């Protein structure tokens, strides 16, 4: 059984379109649609984590052991008290 697909059209302002084009190129995606799909998957994962009480996102550079925290404003909105 194949996946159902639906064609969707988005309207972007100039800045958002340039950002999407840049992300598509830098991420080496084959299309803007692939970039958007993966971005949706990442966002879904982050929302699920936030709904389970996670409130921080840390990234680590394995070569230097340097760490950075990524602030996701939506985490505060989704955090369960």
PDB file of N, CA and C in Angstrom:
ATOM      1  N   UNK A   1       0.851  -1.185   0.000  1.00  0.00           N
ATOM      2  CA  UNK A   1       0.000   0.000   0.000  1.00  0.00           C
ATOM      3  C   UNK A   1       0.891   1.241   0.000  1.00  0.00           C
ATOM      4  N   UNK A   2       0.706   2.108  -0.959  1.00  0.00           N
ATOM      5  CA  UNK A   2       1.539   3.294  -1.106  1.00  0.00           C
ATOM      6  C   UNK A   2       1.126   4.416  -0.173  1.00  0.00           C
ATOM      7  N   UNK A   3       2.038   5.349  -0.005  1.00  0.00           N
ATOM      8  CA  UNK A   3       1.752   6.520   0.807  1.00  0.00           C
ATOM      9  C   UNK A   3       0.832   7.458   0.050  1.00  0.00           C
ATOM     10  N   UNK A   4      -0.116   8.035   0.777  1.00  0.00           N
ATOM     11  CA  UNK A   4      -0.958   9.057   0.166  1.00  0.00           C
ATOM     12  C   UNK A   4      -0.172  10.360   0.147  1.00  0.00           C
ATOM     13  N   UNK A   5      -0.293  11.078  -0.926  1.00  0.00           N
ATOM     14  CA  UNK A   5       0.358  12.379  -1.012  1.00  0.00           C
ATOM     15  C   UNK A   5      -0.681  13.419  -1.387  1.00  0.00           C
ATOM     16  N   UNK A   6      -0.405  14.632  -0.977  1.00  0.00           N
ATOM     17  CA  UNK A   6      -1.286  15.747  -1.295  1.00  0.00           C
ATOM     18  C   UNK A   6      -0.406  16.933  -1.648  1.00  0.00           C
ATOM     19  N   UNK A   7      -0.721  17.582  -2.721  1.00  0.00           N
ATOM     20  CA  UNK A   7       0.048  18.752  -3.150  1.00  0.00           C
ATOM     21  C   UNK A   7      -0.425  19.957  -2.342  1.00  0.00           C
ATOM     22  N   UNK A   8       0.536  20.688  -1.800  1.00  0.00           N
ATOM     23  CA  UNK A   8       0.251  21.864  -0.986  1.00  0.00           C
ATOM     24  C   UNK A   8       1.055  23.029  -1.543  1.00  0.00           C
ATOM     25  N   UNK A   9       0.461  24.196  -1.553  1.00  0.00           N
ATOM     26  CA  UNK A   9       1.139  25.395  -2.039  1.00  0.00           C
ATOM     27  C   UNK A   9       1.298  26.354  -0.865  1.00  0.00           C
ATOM     28  N   UNK A  10       2.506  26.872  -0.685  1.00  0.00           N
ATOM     29  CA  UNK A  10       2.787  27.846   0.362  1.00  0.00           C
ATOM     30  C   UNK A  10       3.142  29.178  -0.285  1.00  0.00           C
ATOM     31  N   UNK A  11       2.812  30.250   0.399  1.00  0.00           N
ATOM     32  CA  UNK A  11       3.227  31.581  -0.022  1.00  0.00           C
ATOM     33  C   UNK A  11       4.257  32.080   0.991  1.00  0.00           C
ATOM     34  N   UNK A  12       5.441  32.432   0.515  1.00  0.00           N
ATOM     35  CA  UNK A  12       6.521  32.899   1.373  1.00  0.00           C
ATOM     36  C   UNK A  12       6.810  34.361   1.088  1.00  0.00           C
ATOM     37  N   UNK A  13       7.159  35.109   2.145  1.00  0.00           N
ATOM     38  CA  UNK A  13       7.682  36.447   1.902  1.00  0.00           C
ATOM     39  C   UNK A  13       9.123  36.279   1.403  1.00  0.00           C
ATOM     40  N   UNK A  14       9.713  37.356   0.910  1.00  0.00           N
ATOM     41  CA  UNK A  14      11.048  37.267   0.300  1.00  0.00           C
ATOM     42  C   UNK A  14      12.093  36.698   1.253  1.00  0.00           C
ATOM     43  N   UNK A  15      12.084  37.155   2.492  1.00  0.00           N
ATOM     44  CA  UNK A  15      13.078  36.701   3.463  1.00  0.00           C
ATOM     45  C   UNK A  15      12.929  35.216   3.750  1.00  0.00           C
ATOM     46  N   UNK A  16      11.699  34.766   3.955  1.00  0.00           N
ATOM     47  CA  UNK A  16      11.466  33.349   4.243  1.00  0.00           C
ATOM     48  C   UNK A  16      11.847  32.470   3.060  1.00  0.00           C
ATOM     49  N   UNK A  17      11.554  32.916   1.859  1.00  0.00           N
ATOM     50  CA  UNK A  17      11.913  32.140   0.671  1.00  0.00           C
ATOM     51  C   UNK A  17      13.428  32.043   0.530  1.00  0.00           C
ATOM     52  N   UNK A  18      14.131  33.159   0.750  1.00  0.00           N
ATOM     53  CA  UNK A  18      15.598  33.126   0.684  1.00  0.00           C
ATOM     54  C   UNK A  18      16.155  32.173   1.743  1.00  0.00           C
ATOM     55  N   UNK A  19      15.563  32.198   2.936  1.00  0.00           N
ATOM     56  CA  UNK A  19      16.003  31.299   4.003  1.00  0.00           C
ATOM     57  C   UNK A  19      15.800  29.845   3.600  1.00  0.00           C
ATOM     58  N   UNK A  20      14.641  29.523   3.049  1.00  0.00           N
ATOM     59  CA  UNK A  20      14.366  28.155   2.612  1.00  0.00           C
ATOM     60  C   UNK A  20      15.328  27.735   1.504  1.00  0.00           C
ATOM     61  N   UNK A  21      15.579  28.621   0.564  1.00  0.00           N
ATOM     62  CA  UNK A  21      16.525  28.305  -0.515  1.00  0.00           C
ATOM     63  C   UNK A  21      17.925  28.056   0.049  1.00  0.00           C
ATOM     64  N   UNK A  22      18.336  28.885   1.002  1.00  0.00           N
ATOM     65  CA  UNK A  22      19.652  28.738   1.618  1.00  0.00           C
ATOM     66  C   UNK A  22      19.734  27.430   2.408  1.00  0.00           C
ATOM     67  N   UNK A  23      18.694  27.124   3.187  1.00  0.00           N
ATOM     68  CA  UNK A  23      18.674  25.875   3.954  1.00  0.00           C
ATOM     69  C   UNK A  23      18.721  24.664   3.028  1.00  0.00           C
ATOM     70  N   UNK A  24      18.004  24.739   1.920  1.00  0.00           N
ATOM     71  CA  UNK A  24      17.975  23.637   0.956  1.00  0.00           C
ATOM     72  C   UNK A  24      19.364  23.398   0.379  1.00  0.00           C
ATOM     73  N   UNK A  25      20.043  24.478   0.033  1.00  0.00           N
ATOM     74  CA  UNK A  25      21.386  24.360  -0.537  1.00  0.00           C
ATOM     75  C   UNK A  25      22.394  23.889   0.507  1.00  0.00           C
ATOM     76  N   UNK A  26      22.412  24.543   1.670  1.00  0.00           N
ATOM     77  CA  UNK A  26      23.390  24.202   2.709  1.00  0.00           C
ATOM     78  C   UNK A  26      23.177  22.793   3.252  1.00  0.00           C
ATOM     79  N   UNK A  27      21.918  22.364   3.316  1.00  0.00           N
ATOM     80  CA  UNK A  27      21.615  21.024   3.804  1.00  0.00           C
ATOM     81  C   UNK A  27      21.741  19.956   2.736  1.00  0.00           C
ATOM     82  N   UNK A  28      22.073  20.383   1.525  1.00  0.00           N
ATOM     83  CA  UNK A  28      22.231  19.469   0.388  1.00  0.00           C
ATOM     84  C   UNK A  28      20.966  18.640   0.136  1.00  0.00           C
ATOM     85  N   UNK A  29      19.810  19.275   0.321  1.00  0.00           N
ATOM     86  CA  UNK A  29      18.537  18.616   0.013  1.00  0.00           C
ATOM     87  C   UNK A  29      18.344  18.605  -1.496  1.00  0.00           C
ATOM     88  N   UNK A  30      17.602  17.629  -1.989  1.00  0.00           N
ATOM     89  CA  UNK A  30      17.345  17.557  -3.425  1.00  0.00           C
ATOM     90  C   UNK A  30      16.264  18.535  -3.852  1.00  0.00           C
ATOM     91  N   UNK A  31      15.460  18.998  -2.885  1.00  0.00           N
ATOM     92  CA  UNK A  31      14.398  19.950  -3.215  1.00  0.00           C
ATOM     93  C   UNK A  31      14.005  20.724  -1.962  1.00  0.00           C
ATOM     94  N   UNK A  32      13.323  21.846  -2.172  1.00  0.00           N
ATOM     95  CA  UNK A  32      12.801  22.604  -1.038  1.00  0.00           C
ATOM     96  C   UNK A  32      11.782  21.763  -0.276  1.00  0.00           C
ATOM     97  N   UNK A  33      11.022  20.940  -0.992  1.00  0.00           N
ATOM     98  CA  UNK A  33      10.031  20.080  -0.339  1.00  0.00           C
ATOM     99  C   UNK A  33      10.705  19.116   0.634  1.00  0.00           C
ATOM    100  N   UNK A  34      11.851  18.547   0.250  1.00  0.00           N
ATOM    101  CA  UNK A  34      12.580  17.651   1.155  1.00  0.00           C
ATOM    102  C   UNK A  34      13.043  18.395   2.403  1.00  0.00           C
ATOM    103  N   UNK A  35      13.489  19.617   2.224  1.00  0.00           N
ATOM    104  CA  UNK A  35      13.921  20.443   3.352  1.00  0.00           C
ATOM    105  C   UNK A  35      12.755  20.700   4.301  1.00  0.00           C
ATOM    106  N   UNK A  36      11.604  21.055   3.750  1.00  0.00           N
ATOM    107  CA  UNK A  36      10.420  21.317   4.572  1.00  0.00           C
ATOM    108  C   UNK A  36       9.986  20.041   5.285  1.00  0.00           C
ATOM    109  N   UNK A  37       9.977  18.903   4.583  1.00  0.00           N
ATOM    110  CA  UNK A  37       9.571  17.631   5.198  1.00  0.00           C
ATOM    111  C   UNK A  37      10.446  17.286   6.394  1.00  0.00           C
ATOM    112  N   UNK A  38      11.761  17.405   6.219  1.00  0.00           N
ATOM    113  CA  UNK A  38      12.653  17.076   7.329  1.00  0.00           C
ATOM    114  C   UNK A  38      12.491  18.078   8.470  1.00  0.00           C
ATOM    115  N   UNK A  39      12.295  19.336   8.149  1.00  0.00           N
ATOM    116  CA  UNK A  39      12.071  20.350   9.180  1.00  0.00           C
ATOM    117  C   UNK A  39      10.818  20.028   9.989  1.00  0.00           C
ATOM    118  N   UNK A  40       9.780  19.551   9.317  1.00  0.00           N
ATOM    119  CA  UNK A  40       8.554  19.156  10.014  1.00  0.00           C
ATOM    120  C   UNK A  40       8.808  17.970  10.939  1.00  0.00           C
ATOM    121  N   UNK A  41       9.595  17.006  10.494  1.00  0.00           N
ATOM    122  CA  UNK A  41       9.907  15.845  11.331  1.00  0.00           C
ATOM    123  C   UNK A  41      10.678  16.266  12.577  1.00  0.00           C
ATOM    124  N   UNK A  42      11.634  17.164  12.413  1.00  0.00           N
ATOM    125  CA  UNK A  42      12.416  17.652  13.548  1.00  0.00           C
ATOM    126  C   UNK A  42      11.516  18.415  14.511  1.00  0.00           C
ATOM    127  N   UNK A  43      10.669  19.276  13.978  1.00  0.00           N
ATOM    128  CA  UNK A  43       9.759  20.046  14.824  1.00  0.00           C
ATOM    129  C   UNK A  43       8.821  19.127  15.585  1.00  0.00           C
ATOM    130  N   UNK A  44       8.282  18.105  14.925  1.00  0.00           N
ATOM    131  CA  UNK A  44       7.401  17.139  15.583  1.00  0.00           C
ATOM    132  C   UNK A  44       8.128  16.462  16.742  1.00  0.00           C
ATOM    133  N   UNK A  45       9.363  16.045  16.535  1.00  0.00           N
ATOM    134  CA  UNK A  45      10.141  15.397  17.592  1.00  0.00           C
ATOM    135  C   UNK A  45      10.362  16.348  18.766  1.00  0.00           C
ATOM    136  N   UNK A  46      10.681  17.602  18.482  1.00  0.00           N
ATOM    137  CA  UNK A  46      10.908  18.576  19.551  1.00  0.00           C
ATOM    138  C   UNK A  46       9.630  18.868  20.325  1.00  0.00           C
ATOM    139  N   UNK A  47       8.509  18.970  19.637  1.00  0.00           N
ATOM    140  CA  UNK A  47       7.230  19.210  20.308  1.00  0.00           C
ATOM    141  C   UNK A  47       6.898  18.039  21.222  1.00  0.00           C
ATOM    142  N   UNK A  48       7.092  16.825  20.736  1.00  0.00           N
ATOM    143  CA  UNK A  48       6.819  15.640  21.553  1.00  0.00           C
ATOM    144  C   UNK A  48       7.681  15.646  22.807  1.00  0.00           C
ATOM    145  N   UNK A  49       8.955  15.967  22.668  1.00  0.00           N
ATOM    146  CA  UNK A  49       9.837  16.039  23.835  1.00  0.00           C
ATOM    147  C   UNK A  49       9.382  17.122  24.802  1.00  0.00           C
ATOM    148  N   UNK A  50       9.027  18.290  24.289  1.00  0.00           N
ATOM    149  CA  UNK A  50       8.572  19.390  25.148  1.00  0.00           C
ATOM    150  C   UNK A  50       7.308  18.998  25.897  1.00  0.00           C
ATOM    151  N   UNK A  51       6.414  18.280  25.243  1.00  0.00           N
ATOM    152  CA  UNK A  51       5.180  17.840  25.898  1.00  0.00           C
ATOM    153  C   UNK A  51       5.464  16.858  27.033  1.00  0.00           C
ATOM    154  N   UNK A  52       6.629  16.225  27.002  1.00  0.00           N
ATOM    155  CA  UNK A  52       7.021  15.288  28.055  1.00  0.00           C
ATOM    156  C   UNK A  52       7.968  15.938  29.065  1.00  0.00           C
ATOM    157  N   UNK A  53       8.008  17.251  29.076  1.00  0.00           N
ATOM    158  CA  UNK A  53       8.750  17.969  30.100  1.00  0.00           C
ATOM    159  C   UNK A  53      10.158  18.398  29.738  1.00  0.00           C
ATOM    160  N   UNK A  54      10.649  18.004  28.598  1.00  0.00           N
ATOM    161  CA  UNK A  54      11.995  18.421  28.211  1.00  0.00           C
ATOM    162  C   UNK A  54      11.967  19.903  27.849  1.00  0.00           C
ATOM    163  N   UNK A  55      12.959  20.641  28.337  1.00  0.00           N
ATOM    164  CA  UNK A  55      12.924  22.085  28.136  1.00  0.00           C
ATOM    165  C   UNK A  55      14.238  22.658  27.609  1.00  0.00           C
ATOM    166  N   UNK A  56      15.238  21.824  27.401  1.00  0.00           N
ATOM    167  CA  UNK A  56      16.521  22.309  26.916  1.00  0.00           C
ATOM    168  C   UNK A  56      16.969  21.470  25.731  1.00  0.00           C
ATOM    169  N   UNK A  57      17.626  22.129  24.804  1.00  0.00           N
ATOM    170  CA  UNK A  57      18.183  21.443  23.644  1.00  0.00           C
ATOM    171  C   UNK A  57      19.667  21.777  23.603  1.00  0.00           C
ATOM    172  N   UNK A  58      20.506  20.764  23.810  1.00  0.00           N
ATOM    173  CA  UNK A  58      21.949  20.957  23.808  1.00  0.00           C
ATOM    174  C   UNK A  58      22.550  20.251  22.605  1.00  0.00           C
ATOM    175  N   UNK A  59      23.515  20.899  21.988  1.00  0.00           N
ATOM    176  CA  UNK A  59      24.276  20.262  20.918  1.00  0.00           C
ATOM    177  C   UNK A  59      25.733  20.222  21.357  1.00  0.00           C
ATOM    178  N   UNK A  60      26.415  19.155  20.971  1.00  0.00           N
ATOM    179  CA  UNK A  60      27.792  18.967  21.411  1.00  0.00           C
ATOM    180  C   UNK A  60      28.677  18.713  20.195  1.00  0.00           C
ATOM    181  N   UNK A  61      29.842  19.341  20.204  1.00  0.00           N
ATOM    182  CA  UNK A  61      30.847  19.106  19.176  1.00  0.00           C
ATOM    183  C   UNK A  61      31.752  17.992  19.684  1.00  0.00           C
ATOM    184  N   UNK A  62      31.713  16.802  19.079  1.00  0.00           N
ATOM    185  CA  UNK A  62      32.510  15.688  19.589  1.00  0.00           C
ATOM    186  C   UNK A  62      34.020  15.901  19.482  1.00  0.00           C
ATOM    187  N   UNK A  63      34.442  16.761  18.577  1.00  0.00           N
ATOM    188  CA  UNK A  63      35.885  17.018  18.440  1.00  0.00           C
ATOM    189  C   UNK A  63      36.419  17.877  19.573  1.00  0.00           C
ATOM    190  N   UNK A  64      35.623  18.866  20.003  1.00  0.00           N
ATOM    191  CA  UNK A  64      36.106  19.814  21.011  1.00  0.00           C
ATOM    192  C   UNK A  64      35.409  19.650  22.355  1.00  0.00           C
ATOM    193  N   UNK A  65      34.355  18.853  22.392  1.00  0.00           N
ATOM    194  CA  UNK A  65      33.494  18.715  23.570  1.00  0.00           C
ATOM    195  C   UNK A  65      32.790  20.018  23.922  1.00  0.00           C
ATOM    196  N   UNK A  66      32.841  20.991  23.024  1.00  0.00           N
ATOM    197  CA  UNK A  66      32.106  22.229  23.248  1.00  0.00           C
ATOM    198  C   UNK A  66      30.607  21.966  23.172  1.00  0.00           C
ATOM    199  N   UNK A  67      29.856  22.693  23.981  1.00  0.00           N
ATOM    200  CA  UNK A  67      28.400  22.549  23.992  1.00  0.00           C
ATOM    201  C   UNK A  67      27.748  23.898  23.764  1.00  0.00           C
ATOM    202  N   UNK A  68      26.600  23.863  23.144  1.00  0.00           N
ATOM    203  CA  UNK A  68      25.778  25.056  22.952  1.00  0.00           C
ATOM    204  C   UNK A  68      24.341  24.687  23.259  1.00  0.00           C
ATOM    205  N   UNK A  69      23.638  25.612  23.867  1.00  0.00           N
ATOM    206  CA  UNK A  69      22.213  25.421  24.115  1.00  0.00           C
ATOM    207  C   UNK A  69      21.443  26.157  23.028  1.00  0.00           C
ATOM    208  N   UNK A  70      20.474  25.482  22.459  1.00  0.00           N
ATOM    209  CA  UNK A  70      19.593  26.096  21.471  1.00  0.00           C
ATOM    210  C   UNK A  70      18.292  26.425  22.180  1.00  0.00           C
ATOM    211  N   UNK A  71      17.927  27.692  22.170  1.00  0.00           N
ATOM    212  CA  UNK A  71      16.694  28.125  22.820  1.00  0.00           C
ATOM    213  C   UNK A  71      15.547  27.969  21.825  1.00  0.00           C
ATOM    214  N   UNK A  72      14.538  27.210  22.235  1.00  0.00           N
ATOM    215  CA  UNK A  72      13.350  27.004  21.411  1.00  0.00           C
ATOM    216  C   UNK A  72      12.179  27.631  22.166  1.00  0.00           C
ATOM    217  N   UNK A  73      11.761  28.847  21.785  1.00  0.00           N
ATOM    218  CA  UNK A  73      10.712  29.545  22.530  1.00  0.00           C
ATOM    219  C   UNK A  73       9.445  28.708  22.723  1.00  0.00           C
ATOM    220  N   UNK A  74       9.101  27.892  21.762  1.00  0.00           N
ATOM    221  CA  UNK A  74       7.882  27.087  21.849  1.00  0.00           C
ATOM    222  C   UNK A  74       7.936  26.111  23.024  1.00  0.00           C
ATOM    223  N   UNK A  75       9.132  25.704  23.462  1.00  0.00           N
ATOM    224  CA  UNK A  75       9.247  24.791  24.603  1.00  0.00           C
ATOM    225  C   UNK A  75       8.525  25.352  25.826  1.00  0.00           C
ATOM    226  N   UNK A  76       8.654  26.658  26.041  1.00  0.00           N
ATOM    227  CA  UNK A  76       7.988  27.265  27.200  1.00  0.00           C
ATOM    228  C   UNK A  76       6.478  27.180  27.085  1.00  0.00           C
ATOM    229  N   UNK A  77       5.961  27.295  25.872  1.00  0.00           N
ATOM    230  CA  UNK A  77       4.515  27.230  25.672  1.00  0.00           C
ATOM    231  C   UNK A  77       3.975  25.824  25.869  1.00  0.00           C
ATOM    232  N   UNK A  78       4.777  24.822  25.576  1.00  0.00           N
ATOM    233  CA  UNK A  78       4.317  23.436  25.619  1.00  0.00           C
ATOM    234  C   UNK A  78       4.643  22.728  26.924  1.00  0.00           C
ATOM    235  N   UNK A  79       5.493  23.325  27.730  1.00  0.00           N
ATOM    236  CA  UNK A  79       5.956  22.685  28.955  1.00  0.00           C
ATOM    237  C   UNK A  79       4.791  22.389  29.880  1.00  0.00           C
ATOM    238  N   UNK A  80       4.756  21.174  30.369  1.00  0.00           N
ATOM    239  CA  UNK A  80       3.728  20.792  31.346  1.00  0.00           C
ATOM    240  C   UNK A  80       4.196  21.207  32.726  1.00  0.00           C
ATOM    241  N   UNK A  81       3.311  21.815  33.459  1.00  0.00           N
ATOM    242  CA  UNK A  81       3.661  22.292  34.805  1.00  0.00           C
ATOM    243  C   UNK A  81       3.388  21.209  35.813  1.00  0.00           C
TER     244      UNK A  81
END
